[in-house]
Amino acid sequence: MKIAVAAGHTLSGTGSGAVGFLNESKEVRKIAVKTADLLKSAGHEVLYLQIDKADSYKGENYKN
């Protein structure tokens, strides 16, 4: 099965998530990477996506 896992929030800029006790962006990435690894080890084809910086909510490209 082909599955895309997107980390969701940028590390900086618009859409970087909540910051306080934890940094939401960094925590989401840990979960997304672990999820992608588990899916790969189960034999799935996985595309991992993340955005490092965004100036707006649209028009930014995902890195993979």
Protein backbone atom coordinates (compact mmCIF):
# COMPACT_ATOMS: atom_id res chain seq x y z
CA MET A 1 0.00 0.00 0.00
CA LYS A 2 1.22 3.55 -0.75
CA ILE A 3 0.84 5.94 2.19
CA ALA A 4 1.82 9.60 2.63
CA VAL A 5 2.66 10.82 6.13
CA ALA A 6 2.70 14.63 6.47
CA ALA A 7 4.25 16.16 9.58
CA GLY A 8 1.62 18.90 9.61
CA HIS A 9 3.19 22.01 11.12
CA THR A 10 6.14 24.10 9.95
CA LEU A 11 9.18 24.51 12.19
CA SER A 12 8.96 28.29 11.88
CA GLY A 13 6.71 30.94 10.39
CA THR A 14 2.98 30.78 9.81
CA GLY A 15 1.42 27.52 10.93
CA SER A 16 4.18 26.48 13.32
CA GLY A 17 1.78 25.26 15.99
CA ALA A 18 1.59 25.82 19.71
CA VAL A 19 4.72 26.57 21.74
CA GLY A 20 4.87 26.44 25.50
CA PHE A 21 5.55 23.41 27.67
CA LEU A 22 6.18 21.51 24.40
CA ASN A 23 6.87 22.68 20.86
CA GLU A 24 3.99 21.20 18.86
CA SER A 25 5.92 21.24 15.56
CA LYS A 26 8.85 19.27 16.95
CA GLU A 27 6.62 16.76 18.74
CA VAL A 28 4.44 16.19 15.65
CA ARG A 29 7.56 15.44 13.61
CA LYS A 30 8.73 12.82 16.11
CA ILE A 31 5.36 11.08 15.87
CA ALA A 32 5.21 11.37 12.07
CA VAL A 33 8.72 9.92 11.59
CA LYS A 34 7.97 7.02 13.95
CA THR A 35 4.66 6.37 12.17
CA ALA A 36 6.41 6.36 8.77
CA ASP A 37 9.08 3.96 10.08
CA LEU A 38 6.47 1.56 11.48
CA LEU A 39 4.53 1.59 8.22
CA LYS A 40 7.72 0.94 6.21
CA SER A 41 8.68 -1.95 8.48
CA ALA A 42 5.22 -3.43 7.85
CA GLY A 43 5.98 -3.44 4.12
CA HIS A 44 4.19 -0.30 2.98
CA GLU A 45 5.60 2.26 0.54
CA VAL A 46 5.74 5.53 2.53
CA LEU A 47 6.28 9.12 1.43
CA TYR A 48 7.24 11.37 4.37
CA LEU A 49 6.43 15.07 3.93
CA GLN A 50 7.33 18.15 5.97
CA ILE A 51 7.47 21.93 5.64
CA ASP A 52 10.36 23.64 7.43
CA LYS A 53 9.29 27.28 6.98
CA ALA A 54 6.21 29.01 5.64
CA ASP A 55 5.33 32.66 5.15
CA SER A 56 1.69 31.84 4.45
CA TYR A 57 -0.74 28.95 4.68
CA LYS A 58 -0.64 28.37 0.94
CA GLY A 59 1.96 28.24 -1.78
CA GLU A 60 4.65 26.40 0.15
CA ASN A 61 6.01 23.10 -1.11
CA TYR A 62 6.48 20.00 0.98
CA LYS A 63 9.97 18.54 1.30
CA ASN A 64 10.37 14.81 1.11
